Amino acid sequence: MKKCYLYVRVSSDQQIQGDGLDRQESMLINYFNDNAAAQDFDPQYEVIKDEGRSAFKAEHLQENAGLGKFFKQVKEGLIQPGSVLIVESLDRFSRENPFRCVEYISHLDKKQIELHDVDKRLIISRRHSNSLTFATMIAERAYEESRLKSYRIRKGWDKRRRMAKEEGQYMIKNCPPWISIVNNKYELNDNAKIIREIFDLYLSGIRSFNISKMMNNSGRLINDKLWTGTKVCRVLRNVRCKGDYITNITDRNFDDDTINVTSDILKIYPAVVSDDEFREVQRRLEGHNYSGRIRNDLKKTLFSYVVKCSFCGSALSMNTTGKYTYLKCSNSRENNGCSASMLPYMPFEKAMLKHIKDIDIAAVLNNTDRTFNEIDKIKSEIVELKKNIDEYVQGIAKRKKQGQLIPFAMIDEQSQAEDKLKVLKELLSSKLESTNITHVEFSDDVHDVKNIEERARLEVELKKVIKRIDILSESKKKFIIADVQYYNDDHIKHVLLLNKKSGSINAVGEISQKNGWRIYSFSENNRLIFRVESNGDVWTVQARNDQSIEDIRTYMTMMVGREPEDFDYHLNEDCIEWVE
């Protein structure tokens, strides 16, 4: 008995939504039932479906397509000789060049598999005379129809592209949700404000996961759908946000059946962000952004990744007990030899923010002409590197064209130049960010861990200012020492004496450098305790007259370890200038 395979296919999404597949299948089943006895068909038939697969482009013969899998089984000998492939019409089987269609038919015939065209009541095999002649005529008609249709579609798309470029007319109706069609033109709608805000948040340094939480909590949704970190990243990578539409242009050579697909980028949409902003976002997406995580809808810390242990240098991690949150050295927590004790987090945060609010950020970061000179220098290096990389690319392309071998050293040098270029671009971005910071602002509600948006923004700003905070915490002492380092090439350092429980700042020490002079000072409640200035040869010392030598020596001791190894001091009461 002959095993039958019933093949049905439609080429477009509109046909999938219609009854094309069901109609074909019903027609083939009726043909099977009417001819089963006369043709000796096996009662157990198999249906093969291809949805949205073009026969003109041979998409239905791809390995993952229904007919493609059938031909693979034929090639592997898994389809028994004498089997039958039944189609509504030969154009369901192929709409390619008739010579190619005859190749497919011949392949089936070699394996003794018949092809039945139900519409024409035609059995195509070598046992039926003239069947190949009729099949070729049908294939020729189907091919010419598709060829003409393809030409008309191409002309239609060419006209759409031209109208979009020259007159701003809409090209496709399927728009992103932040764009609407008004009077046959694309316009930004209210959703564009949400997209713009997502880019602004990300450019400020806040991660996609945190952005999704902020948008959901404030109800800034599109089509009432909740945001996720993945959805935010899709928006950030969507070229339509900068006005681009990528269109594919297919050129067919009907003489040799070859296809050449090229892409063109059209500026047809109104842009939400500039090209430079979009490019910067892509750079950050490659290396990730730098705002800390939000867990259980709470932003518990503003100083993740910057707080370190003064004893061993390892990171201080968060630990929550009930409603209290603590910082503790990772080595101490794991009993790896560190004796640092834990400290309450929130008093530490309040003290640090008070300190940040009271200082002159621009002075701390030393944003002077020297910084801008460094930026100009980096820009010049980037231009030179790009020029070198272009020379490598052109040199390699020239050697390939001439059939010459590419020296490994040449490829390696190009790779090293590209790596250096990436580092310089990141350094330039960091420098440009720091030059824009003059002060850090925050509200009185910033210490509320549910205030996710403000805390996430503030964390990003703090990380542009503070490089590292080393904390010295001992179990029997009520004070901790916080050694604050900034992104300023050691222009200024601060040493804070903080009350563990209250978060009050008992004293502020400062080490600064200006015009070749090194200045050391300590103050309590903005009142000077002592001040030392030195150019390496000359030392001057001022101290408050209500302080004892022992008090001054205690504060001086806090400076040791924050200077070069040969730093030493000797206090001589006769050399001190006592001040009110």
Protein backbone atom coordinates (compact mmCIF):
# COMPACT_ATOMS: atom_id res chain seq x y z
CA MET A 1 0.00 0.00 0.00
CA LYS A 2 1.13 3.54 -0.77
CA LYS A 3 1.89 5.84 2.17
CA CYS A 4 0.42 9.33 1.51
CA TYR A 5 1.74 12.71 2.63
CA LEU A 6 -0.72 15.61 2.34
CA TYR A 7 1.14 18.94 1.95
CA VAL A 8 -0.56 22.29 2.66
CA ARG A 9 1.09 25.73 2.58
CA VAL A 10 0.31 29.43 2.82
CA SER A 11 2.88 32.19 2.39
CA SER A 12 1.55 35.19 4.37
CA ASP A 13 0.29 36.02 7.84
CA GLN A 14 -3.05 37.13 6.37
CA GLN A 15 -3.54 33.67 4.85
CA ILE A 16 -2.66 32.06 8.18
CA GLN A 17 -5.47 34.06 9.86
CA GLY A 18 -7.86 32.98 7.09
CA ASP A 19 -9.11 29.51 6.15
CA GLY A 20 -6.44 28.75 3.52
CA LEU A 21 -4.83 25.86 5.41
CA ASP A 22 -8.13 24.30 6.48
CA ARG A 23 -9.55 24.61 2.95
CA GLN A 24 -6.48 22.94 1.41
CA GLU A 25 -6.44 20.15 3.99
CA SER A 26 -10.15 19.44 3.48
CA MET A 27 -9.64 19.32 -0.30
CA LEU A 28 -6.69 16.90 0.01
CA ILE A 29 -8.54 14.60 2.42
CA ASN A 30 -11.49 14.41 0.03
CA TYR A 31 -9.11 13.52 -2.81
CA PHE A 32 -7.48 10.88 -0.60
CA ASN A 33 -10.82 9.30 0.31
CA ASP A 34 -12.08 9.35 -3.28
CA ASN A 35 -8.95 7.64 -4.65
CA ALA A 36 -7.85 5.42 -1.73
CA ALA A 37 -9.26 2.22 -3.12
CA ALA A 38 -8.27 2.76 -6.75
CA GLN A 39 -4.74 3.98 -5.90
CA ASP A 40 -4.18 1.47 -3.07
CA PHE A 41 -3.51 4.21 -0.49
CA ASP A 42 -2.49 3.30 3.07
CA PRO A 43 -5.39 4.43 5.37
CA GLN A 44 -2.90 6.17 7.69
CA TYR A 45 -1.93 9.40 5.95
CA GLU A 46 0.29 12.21 7.30
CA VAL A 47 -0.33 15.97 6.97
CA ILE A 48 2.64 18.33 6.41
CA LYS A 49 2.05 22.06 7.04
CA ASP A 50 4.03 25.19 6.22
CA GLU A 51 2.62 28.44 7.62
CA GLY A 52 3.93 31.78 6.33
CA ARG A 53 6.51 30.14 4.03
CA SER A 54 7.10 31.51 0.54
CA ALA A 55 7.56 28.97 -2.28
CA PHE A 56 8.95 31.71 -4.53
CA LYS A 57 11.79 32.32 -2.00
CA ALA A 58 12.09 28.57 -1.25
CA GLU A 59 11.44 29.25 2.46
CA HIS A 60 9.33 26.06 2.64
CA LEU A 61 12.41 24.01 1.71
CA GLN A 62 14.55 25.25 4.61
CA GLU A 63 15.66 22.61 7.09
CA ASN A 64 13.16 23.71 9.76
CA ALA A 65 10.23 23.92 7.32
CA GLY A 66 7.69 21.15 6.77
CA LEU A 67 8.57 20.31 3.15
CA GLY A 68 12.26 20.82 3.90
CA LYS A 69 12.08 18.11 6.59
CA PHE A 70 10.21 15.84 4.15
CA PHE A 71 12.95 16.18 1.51
CA LYS A 72 15.58 15.49 4.16
CA GLN A 73 13.79 12.24 5.04
CA VAL A 74 13.63 11.39 1.33
CA LYS A 75 17.38 11.94 1.02
CA GLU A 76 18.07 9.78 4.07
CA GLY A 77 15.88 6.96 2.73
CA LEU A 78 13.26 7.29 5.49
CA ILE A 79 10.39 7.73 3.00
CA GLN A 80 9.44 4.40 1.44
CA PRO A 81 9.55 4.00 -2.38
CA GLY A 82 6.05 4.08 -3.84
CA SER A 83 4.91 6.83 -1.41
CA VAL A 84 2.75 9.73 -2.63
CA LEU A 85 3.08 13.49 -1.99
CA ILE A 86 -0.31 15.16 -2.55
CA VAL A 87 -0.66 18.95 -3.07
CA GLU A 88 -3.60 21.21 -3.92
CA SER A 89 -1.70 22.58 -6.91
CA LEU A 90 1.86 22.42 -8.12
CA ASP A 91 2.37 26.09 -7.11
CA ARG A 92 2.00 24.97 -3.48
CA PHE A 93 4.98 22.69 -4.12
CA SER A 94 7.16 25.32 -5.84
CA ARG A 95 6.99 28.78 -7.40
CA GLU A 96 10.70 28.93 -8.20
CA ASN A 97 12.27 28.93 -11.65
CA PRO A 98 10.70 25.99 -13.55
CA PHE A 99 14.14 24.41 -14.10
CA ARG A 100 14.57 24.30 -10.29
CA CYS A 101 11.04 22.89 -9.90
CA VAL A 102 11.88 20.09 -12.37
CA GLU A 103 14.97 19.28 -10.24
CA TYR A 104 12.75 18.75 -7.19
CA ILE A 105 10.34 16.55 -9.16
CA SER A 106 13.26 14.51 -10.54
CA HIS A 107 14.61 14.02 -7.03
CA LEU A 108 11.26 12.57 -5.93
CA ASP A 109 11.04 10.41 -9.05
CA LYS A 110 14.49 8.89 -8.39
CA LYS A 111 13.18 7.72 -5.03
CA GLN A 112 9.99 6.39 -6.74
CA ILE A 113 7.75 8.96 -5.02
CA GLU A 114 4.75 10.26 -6.96
CA LEU A 115 3.56 13.89 -6.89
CA HIS A 116 -0.22 14.41 -7.20
CA ASP A 117 -1.68 17.80 -8.26
CA VAL A 118 -5.30 17.64 -7.04
CA ASP A 119 -6.52 20.79 -8.81
CA LYS A 120 -5.36 19.59 -12.25
CA ARG A 121 -5.97 15.89 -11.46
CA LEU A 122 -2.39 15.32 -12.55
CA ILE A 123 -0.12 12.49 -11.34
CA ILE A 124 3.51 13.44 -11.97
CA SER A 125 5.87 10.49 -12.40
CA ARG A 126 7.73 8.72 -15.22
CA ARG A 127 4.93 6.14 -15.34
CA HIS A 128 2.51 8.82 -16.60
CA SER A 129 3.38 10.07 -20.06
CA ASN A 130 3.45 13.85 -20.66
CA SER A 131 3.02 14.51 -16.91
CA LEU A 132 6.39 16.30 -16.74
CA THR A 133 5.45 18.48 -19.75
CA PHE A 134 2.25 19.61 -18.06
CA ALA A 135 4.07 20.09 -14.74
CA THR A 136 6.67 22.33 -16.44
CA MET A 137 3.93 24.47 -17.98
CA ILE A 138 2.21 24.88 -14.59
CA ALA A 139 5.55 25.70 -12.92
CA GLU A 140 6.32 28.29 -15.62
CA ARG A 141 2.96 30.03 -15.07
CA ALA A 142 3.36 30.04 -11.26
CA TYR A 143 6.91 31.37 -11.53
CA GLU A 144 5.93 34.23 -13.86
CA GLU A 145 3.04 35.21 -11.58
CA SER A 146 5.35 35.38 -8.57
CA ARG A 147 8.02 37.18 -10.54
CA LEU A 148 5.56 39.89 -11.63
CA LYS A 149 4.17 40.17 -8.10
CA SER A 150 7.71 40.51 -6.71
CA TYR A 151 8.50 43.29 -9.19
CA ARG A 152 5.34 45.22 -8.28
CA ILE A 153 6.01 44.86 -4.54
CA ARG A 154 9.59 46.10 -5.02
CA LYS A 155 8.36 49.14 -6.95
CA GLY A 156 5.79 49.84 -4.23
CA TRP A 157 8.41 49.75 -1.47
CA ASP A 158 10.80 51.92 -3.50
CA LYS A 159 8.04 54.53 -3.79
CA ARG A 160 7.33 54.34 -0.05
CA ARG A 161 11.01 54.84 0.80
CA ARG A 162 11.23 57.81 -1.56
CA MET A 163 8.08 59.46 -0.16
CA ALA A 164 9.32 58.90 3.40
CA LYS A 165 12.71 60.46 2.62
CA GLU A 166 11.54 63.39 0.50
CA GLU A 167 8.14 64.30 1.94
CA GLY A 168 8.17 62.79 5.42
CA GLN A 169 5.19 60.56 4.60
CA TYR A 170 4.73 57.49 6.78
CA MET A 171 6.17 54.29 5.34
CA ILE A 172 4.66 51.54 7.49
CA LYS A 173 1.70 51.59 9.86
CA ASN A 174 3.34 49.29 12.40
CA CYS A 175 4.90 52.01 14.62
CA PRO A 176 6.61 51.79 18.00
CA PRO A 177 4.21 52.73 20.84
CA TRP A 178 5.72 56.20 21.30
CA ILE A 179 4.98 57.22 17.69
CA SER A 180 1.58 57.85 16.05
CA ILE A 181 0.53 58.57 12.46
CA VAL A 182 -1.14 61.98 12.15
CA ASN A 183 -2.09 63.36 8.71
CA ASN A 184 0.01 60.62 7.05
CA LYS A 185 3.13 61.64 8.99
CA TYR A 186 4.91 60.24 12.04
CA GLU A 187 4.58 62.22 15.29
CA LEU A 188 5.71 61.61 18.86
CA ASN A 189 2.89 60.90 21.31
CA ASP A 190 2.73 61.10 25.12
CA ASN A 191 4.59 57.79 25.49
CA ALA A 192 7.70 59.50 24.10
CA LYS A 193 8.11 61.29 27.45
CA ILE A 194 8.39 57.90 29.17
CA ILE A 195 10.98 56.70 26.63
CA ARG A 196 12.95 59.94 27.06
CA GLU A 197 12.92 59.52 30.83
CA ILE A 198 14.21 55.94 30.55
CA PHE A 199 17.19 57.20 28.54
CA ASP A 200 17.78 60.07 31.00
CA LEU A 201 17.73 57.68 33.95
CA TYR A 202 20.13 55.28 32.27
CA LEU A 203 22.49 58.06 31.21
CA SER A 204 22.51 59.26 34.83
CA GLY A 205 23.96 55.85 35.74
CA ILE A 206 20.87 53.97 36.98
CA ARG A 207 20.61 50.32 35.91
CA SER A 208 17.82 48.94 33.79
CA PHE A 209 16.47 46.80 36.67
CA ASN A 210 16.25 49.86 38.93
CA ILE A 211 14.64 51.90 36.15
CA SER A 212 11.93 49.26 35.71
CA LYS A 213 11.14 49.45 39.44
CA MET A 214 10.94 53.25 39.35
CA MET A 215 8.66 53.29 36.30
CA ASN A 216 6.33 50.63 37.73
CA ASN A 217 6.11 52.26 41.16
CA SER A 218 5.20 55.64 39.66
CA GLY A 219 2.72 54.17 37.15
CA ARG A 220 4.69 55.34 34.09
CA LEU A 221 3.59 52.44 31.89
CA ILE A 222 2.99 51.98 28.17
CA ASN A 223 -0.18 50.11 27.21
CA ASP A 224 -0.63 49.26 30.92
CA LYS A 225 2.22 46.75 30.75
CA LEU A 226 4.72 46.51 33.61
CA TRP A 227 8.37 47.18 32.90
CA THR A 228 11.16 44.65 33.46
CA GLY A 229 14.91 45.11 33.19
CA THR A 230 14.82 43.20 29.90
CA LYS A 231 12.09 45.43 28.43
CA VAL A 232 14.01 48.55 29.45
CA CYS A 233 17.13 47.22 27.68
CA ARG A 234 15.11 46.51 24.54
CA VAL A 235 13.99 50.14 24.47
CA LEU A 236 17.54 51.36 25.09
CA ARG A 237 18.78 49.27 22.12
CA ASN A 238 15.92 50.21 19.77
CA VAL A 239 17.34 52.34 16.93
CA ARG A 240 13.88 53.80 16.30
CA CYS A 241 14.42 55.90 19.45
CA LYS A 242 16.94 57.97 17.49
CA GLY A 243 14.68 58.11 14.43
CA ASP A 244 16.17 55.23 12.43
CA TYR A 245 14.27 52.63 10.47
CA ILE A 246 16.26 49.69 9.07
CA THR A 247 14.82 48.50 5.77
CA ASN A 248 15.98 45.43 3.84
CA ILE A 249 16.24 45.70 0.06
CA THR A 250 16.15 42.44 -1.91
CA ASP A 251 17.64 42.33 -5.40
CA ARG A 252 16.80 39.20 -7.40
CA ASN A 253 18.72 38.06 -10.44
CA PHE A 254 16.14 35.98 -12.29
CA ASP A 255 18.72 34.74 -14.78
CA ASP A 256 20.83 32.80 -12.28
CA ASP A 257 18.35 32.64 -9.34
CA THR A 258 20.65 34.57 -6.99
CA ILE A 259 19.45 36.92 -4.26
CA ASN A 260 21.34 39.88 -2.82
CA VAL A 261 19.91 41.44 0.37
CA THR A 262 21.18 44.85 1.49
CA SER A 263 20.09 47.08 4.37
CA ASP A 264 19.49 50.80 4.40
CA ILE A 265 18.95 53.07 7.41
CA LEU A 266 16.30 55.72 6.88
CA LYS A 267 15.77 58.69 9.21
CA ILE A 268 11.99 58.61 8.99
CA TYR A 269 10.87 58.71 12.64
CA PRO A 270 10.94 61.76 14.94
CA ALA A 271 13.86 61.17 17.33
CA VAL A 272 13.45 60.85 21.10
CA VAL A 273 17.22 60.94 21.71
CA SER A 274 20.20 62.25 19.76
CA ASP A 275 22.68 60.03 17.94
CA ASP A 276 25.38 60.88 20.51
CA GLU A 277 23.12 59.98 23.44
CA PHE A 278 22.13 56.70 21.80
CA ARG A 279 25.78 55.86 21.08
CA GLU A 280 26.73 56.54 24.71
CA VAL A 281 23.91 54.29 25.95
CA GLN A 282 25.14 51.44 23.73
CA ARG A 283 28.67 51.88 25.12
CA ARG A 284 27.35 51.63 28.66
CA LEU A 285 25.16 48.63 27.84
CA GLU A 286 28.28 46.78 26.70
CA GLY A 287 30.03 47.44 30.01
CA HIS A 288 26.88 47.69 32.18
CA ASN A 289 25.81 50.70 34.21
CA TYR A 290 26.67 51.30 37.82
CA SER A 291 23.73 51.89 40.16
CA GLY A 292 23.33 49.21 42.88
CA ARG A 293 20.51 46.67 43.07
CA ILE A 294 17.04 47.15 44.53
CA ARG A 295 15.74 44.22 46.55
CA ASN A 296 12.18 43.75 47.80
CA ASP A 297 11.35 47.27 46.57
CA LEU A 298 13.91 48.77 48.98
CA LYS A 299 17.11 50.69 48.21
CA LYS A 300 19.02 49.91 51.39
CA THR A 301 22.45 51.37 50.67
CA LEU A 302 23.93 54.35 48.85
CA PHE A 303 27.55 53.25 49.22
CA SER A 304 27.69 49.77 47.70
CA TYR A 305 31.11 48.83 46.30
CA VAL A 306 32.95 51.85 47.82
CA VAL A 307 33.02 51.04 51.56
CA LYS A 308 36.06 48.98 52.57
CA CYS A 309 37.57 47.68 55.80
CA SER A 310 40.60 49.64 57.11
CA PHE A 311 42.00 46.51 58.76
CA CYS A 312 42.11 44.13 55.79
CA GLY A 313 40.85 46.08 52.76
CA SER A 314 37.97 43.77 51.95
CA ALA A 315 34.47 45.02 51.12
CA LEU A 316 31.89 45.83 53.80
CA SER A 317 28.65 44.01 53.08
CA MET A 318 25.09 44.62 54.26
CA ASN A 319 23.51 42.55 57.00
CA THR A 320 19.90 43.00 58.16
CA THR A 321 18.65 41.93 61.59
CA GLY A 322 14.99 42.74 62.05
CA LYS A 323 14.52 46.39 61.10
CA TYR A 324 18.20 47.27 61.58
CA THR A 325 20.85 47.19 58.87
CA TYR A 326 24.56 46.82 59.58
CA LEU A 327 27.82 47.00 57.68
CA LYS A 328 30.35 44.29 58.37
CA CYS A 329 33.70 43.28 56.90
CA SER A 330 33.38 40.20 54.67
CA ASN A 331 36.55 38.65 56.12
CA SER A 332 35.34 39.29 59.66
CA ARG A 333 31.95 37.73 58.85
CA GLU A 334 33.64 34.58 57.51
CA ASN A 335 36.21 34.42 60.37
CA ASN A 336 39.15 34.94 58.03
CA GLY A 337 41.33 36.72 60.58
CA CYS A 338 39.88 40.25 60.53
CA SER A 339 38.85 41.74 63.90
CA ALA A 340 36.69 44.61 62.58
CA SER A 341 33.30 44.93 64.27
CA MET A 342 29.98 45.64 62.56
CA LEU A 343 28.46 49.12 62.63
CA PRO A 344 24.90 50.41 62.14
CA TYR A 345 24.44 51.48 58.53
CA MET A 346 21.88 54.30 58.71
CA PRO A 347 23.80 56.52 61.20
CA PHE A 348 26.84 56.12 58.93
CA GLU A 349 24.81 57.11 55.87
CA LYS A 350 23.38 60.20 57.58
CA ALA A 351 26.83 61.33 58.69
CA MET A 352 28.33 60.82 55.21
CA LEU A 353 25.53 62.72 53.45
CA LYS A 354 25.82 65.59 55.91
CA HIS A 355 29.54 65.73 55.18
CA ILE A 356 28.98 65.64 51.40
CA LYS A 357 26.37 68.38 51.63
CA ASP A 358 28.75 70.64 53.55
CA ILE A 359 31.75 70.40 51.23
CA ASP A 360 32.51 72.20 47.97
CA ILE A 361 32.40 69.38 45.41
CA ALA A 362 34.08 71.41 42.67
CA ALA A 363 37.01 72.19 44.99
CA VAL A 364 37.22 68.59 46.20
CA LEU A 365 37.34 67.23 42.65
CA ASN A 366 39.81 69.93 41.65
CA ASN A 367 37.83 70.79 38.50
CA THR A 368 40.35 73.31 37.18
CA ASP A 369 41.93 74.01 33.82
CA ARG A 370 44.19 71.03 34.47
CA THR A 371 41.18 68.71 34.17
CA PHE A 372 40.12 70.25 30.88
CA ASN A 373 43.68 69.99 29.58
CA GLU A 374 43.55 66.26 30.41
CA ILE A 375 40.28 65.96 28.49
CA ASP A 376 41.80 67.66 25.44
CA LYS A 377 44.80 65.34 25.65
CA ILE A 378 42.57 62.24 25.81
CA LYS A 379 40.52 63.49 22.83
CA SER A 380 43.72 63.96 20.82
CA GLU A 381 44.86 60.43 21.68
CA ILE A 382 41.48 59.05 20.59
CA VAL A 383 41.70 60.83 17.22
CA GLU A 384 45.23 59.50 16.68
CA LEU A 385 44.23 55.94 17.65
CA LYS A 386 41.23 55.99 15.29
CA LYS A 387 43.56 57.10 12.50
CA ASN A 388 45.98 54.23 13.28
CA ILE A 389 43.15 51.68 13.39
CA ASP A 390 41.85 52.88 9.99
CA GLU A 391 45.35 52.43 8.55
CA TYR A 392 45.48 48.85 9.91
CA VAL A 393 42.02 48.07 8.48
CA GLN A 394 42.93 49.47 5.06
CA GLY A 395 46.30 47.70 5.08
CA ILE A 396 44.73 44.33 5.92
CA ALA A 397 42.02 44.80 3.29
CA LYS A 398 44.66 45.66 0.66
CA ARG A 399 46.70 42.54 1.50
CA LYS A 400 43.59 40.35 1.30
CA LYS A 401 42.73 41.81 -2.09
CA GLN A 402 46.25 41.08 -3.34
CA GLY A 403 46.11 37.53 -1.95
CA GLN A 404 48.90 38.19 0.55
CA LEU A 405 49.14 36.68 4.03
CA ILE A 406 48.24 38.97 6.94
CA PRO A 407 51.14 39.18 9.45
CA PHE A 408 50.08 38.19 12.97
CA ALA A 409 51.89 41.25 14.35
CA MET A 410 49.68 43.51 12.22
CA ILE A 411 46.47 41.90 13.53
CA ASP A 412 47.80 41.99 17.10
CA GLU A 413 48.72 45.68 16.87
CA GLN A 414 45.25 46.51 15.53
CA SER A 415 43.64 44.57 18.41
CA GLN A 416 45.81 46.37 20.98
CA ALA A 417 44.92 49.75 19.45
CA GLU A 418 41.19 48.91 19.60
CA ASP A 419 41.49 47.83 23.26
CA LYS A 420 43.32 51.06 24.12
CA LEU A 421 40.68 53.08 22.27
CA LYS A 422 37.93 51.49 24.37
CA VAL A 423 39.79 52.32 27.60
CA LEU A 424 40.37 55.94 26.52
CA LYS A 425 36.70 56.40 25.62
CA GLU A 426 35.66 55.17 29.07
CA LEU A 427 38.24 57.47 30.71
CA LEU A 428 36.99 60.43 28.67
CA SER A 429 33.39 59.69 29.68
CA SER A 430 34.43 59.57 33.35
CA LYS A 431 36.34 62.87 33.10
CA LEU A 432 33.44 64.61 31.36
CA GLU A 433 31.02 63.40 34.03
CA SER A 434 33.19 64.63 36.90
CA THR A 435 33.64 68.12 35.37
CA ASN A 436 29.86 68.60 35.39
CA ILE A 437 29.51 68.03 39.15
CA THR A 438 29.48 71.14 41.34
CA HIS A 439 27.28 69.95 44.21
CA VAL A 440 25.16 66.98 45.25
CA GLU A 441 21.54 67.68 46.15
CA PHE A 442 18.98 65.51 47.95
CA SER A 443 15.79 65.91 49.94
CA ASP A 444 15.08 65.25 53.63
CA ASP A 445 13.31 62.02 52.58
CA VAL A 446 16.43 60.52 51.04
CA HIS A 447 17.05 58.24 54.05
CA ASP A 448 13.73 56.43 53.48
CA VAL A 449 14.78 53.13 51.86
CA LYS A 450 11.44 53.05 50.00
CA ASN A 451 12.41 56.27 48.21
CA ILE A 452 13.94 54.21 45.43
CA GLU A 453 14.16 56.81 42.68
CA GLU A 454 15.96 59.52 44.64
CA ARG A 455 18.29 57.07 46.38
CA ALA A 456 19.25 55.40 43.10
CA ARG A 457 19.96 58.78 41.48
CA LEU A 458 21.95 59.94 44.50
CA GLU A 459 24.05 56.76 44.56
CA VAL A 460 25.10 57.39 40.98
CA GLU A 461 26.14 60.98 41.78
CA LEU A 462 28.07 59.87 44.86
CA LYS A 463 30.01 57.32 42.83
CA LYS A 464 31.16 60.09 40.51
CA VAL A 465 32.67 61.88 43.53
CA ILE A 466 33.77 59.22 46.03
CA LYS A 467 36.34 56.67 44.98
CA ARG A 468 36.58 54.76 48.25
CA ILE A 469 35.71 54.94 51.96
CA ASP A 470 37.92 52.95 54.36
CA ILE A 471 36.20 52.37 57.70
CA LEU A 472 37.96 51.58 60.98
CA SER A 473 35.46 50.06 63.41
CA GLU A 474 36.46 48.50 66.73
CA SER A 475 33.99 46.77 69.04
CA LYS A 476 34.88 48.60 72.28
CA LYS A 477 34.95 52.09 70.81
CA LYS A 478 31.90 54.25 70.20
CA PHE A 479 33.56 56.13 67.33
CA ILE A 480 34.55 54.97 63.86
CA ILE A 481 37.11 56.55 61.55
CA ALA A 482 36.05 56.98 57.91
CA ASP A 483 38.87 57.71 55.45
CA VAL A 484 37.25 59.30 52.36
CA GLN A 485 39.07 59.32 49.00
CA TYR A 486 37.77 61.25 45.98
CA TYR A 487 38.31 61.13 42.23
CA ASN A 488 40.78 63.98 42.38
CA ASP A 489 44.29 62.50 42.11
CA ASP A 490 44.72 62.97 45.89
CA HIS A 491 44.03 66.71 45.70
CA ILE A 492 41.96 66.46 48.91
CA LYS A 493 41.31 63.62 51.38
CA HIS A 494 39.01 63.69 54.39
CA VAL A 495 39.17 61.73 57.64
CA LEU A 496 35.92 61.68 59.63
CA LEU A 497 35.45 60.77 63.28
CA LEU A 498 31.85 59.51 63.50
CA ASN A 499 29.63 58.43 66.39
CA LYS A 500 28.52 54.84 65.67
CA LYS A 501 25.03 55.15 67.12
CA SER A 502 24.00 58.77 66.56
CA GLY A 503 25.76 59.38 63.24
CA SER A 504 27.07 62.72 64.43
CA ILE A 505 30.38 64.01 63.04
CA ASN A 506 32.69 64.69 65.99
CA ALA A 507 35.68 65.83 63.95
CA VAL A 508 36.76 66.34 60.35
CA GLY A 509 40.34 65.94 59.21
CA GLU A 510 41.53 67.22 55.85
CA ILE A 511 44.69 66.60 53.86
CA SER A 512 45.04 68.87 50.85
CA GLN A 513 47.70 70.06 48.46
CA LYS A 514 48.03 73.49 46.84
CA ASN A 515 50.89 75.29 45.13
CA GLY A 516 53.45 72.81 46.43
CA TRP A 517 52.24 73.04 50.05
CA ARG A 518 50.74 70.10 51.95
CA ILE A 519 48.08 71.09 54.50
CA TYR A 520 46.85 68.94 57.41
CA SER A 521 43.99 70.11 59.61
CA PHE A 522 41.37 68.86 62.09
CA SER A 523 38.20 70.66 63.16
CA GLU A 524 35.39 70.08 65.66
CA ASN A 525 32.01 71.72 64.93
CA ASN A 526 33.74 73.89 62.29
CA ARG A 527 36.25 75.12 64.88
CA LEU A 528 39.92 74.52 64.16
CA ILE A 529 41.81 72.13 66.47
CA PHE A 530 45.12 72.26 64.64
CA ARG A 531 46.52 73.08 61.20
CA VAL A 532 49.91 72.11 59.77
CA GLU A 533 51.34 73.47 56.50
CA SER A 534 54.54 72.18 54.91
CA ASN A 535 56.41 72.49 51.64
CA GLY A 536 58.83 69.73 52.66
CA ASP A 537 61.39 72.08 54.22
CA VAL A 538 59.32 74.58 56.20
CA TRP A 539 56.61 73.60 58.69
CA THR A 540 54.02 75.89 60.31
CA VAL A 541 51.67 74.74 63.08
CA GLN A 542 48.53 76.40 64.41
CA ALA A 543 46.43 75.02 67.26
CA ARG A 544 43.43 76.12 69.32
CA ASN A 545 44.51 77.45 72.66
CA ASP A 546 42.04 75.32 74.65
CA GLN A 547 43.62 72.08 73.36
CA SER A 548 46.39 70.22 75.09
CA ILE A 549 49.44 68.77 73.39
CA GLU A 550 47.98 65.30 74.04
CA ASP A 551 44.72 66.26 72.31
CA ILE A 552 46.62 67.50 69.27
CA ARG A 553 48.85 64.41 69.29
CA THR A 554 45.72 62.20 69.25
CA TYR A 555 44.43 63.86 66.10
CA MET A 556 47.89 63.90 64.51
CA THR A 557 48.05 60.14 65.05
CA MET A 558 44.96 59.77 62.83
CA MET A 559 46.99 61.25 59.95
CA VAL A 560 49.66 58.57 60.17
CA GLY A 561 49.12 55.84 57.57
CA ARG A 562 47.53 58.29 55.15
CA GLU A 563 50.88 59.71 54.10
CA PRO A 564 54.08 58.28 52.53
CA GLU A 565 55.93 55.60 54.53
CA ASP A 566 58.64 58.04 55.72
CA PHE A 567 56.06 60.45 57.15
CA ASP A 568 56.85 61.31 60.77
CA TYR A 569 56.03 64.12 63.17
CA HIS A 570 57.39 65.65 66.41
CA LEU A 571 55.37 68.21 68.32
CA ASN A 572 57.27 71.06 69.99
CA GLU A 573 55.04 73.30 72.09
CA ASP A 574 57.37 76.26 71.54
CA CYS A 575 56.84 76.09 67.74
CA ILE A 576 53.01 76.15 67.86
CA GLU A 577 51.03 79.27 67.05
CA TRP A 578 48.12 79.20 69.48
CA VAL A 579 44.88 80.70 68.17
CA GLU A 580 41.46 81.50 69.68
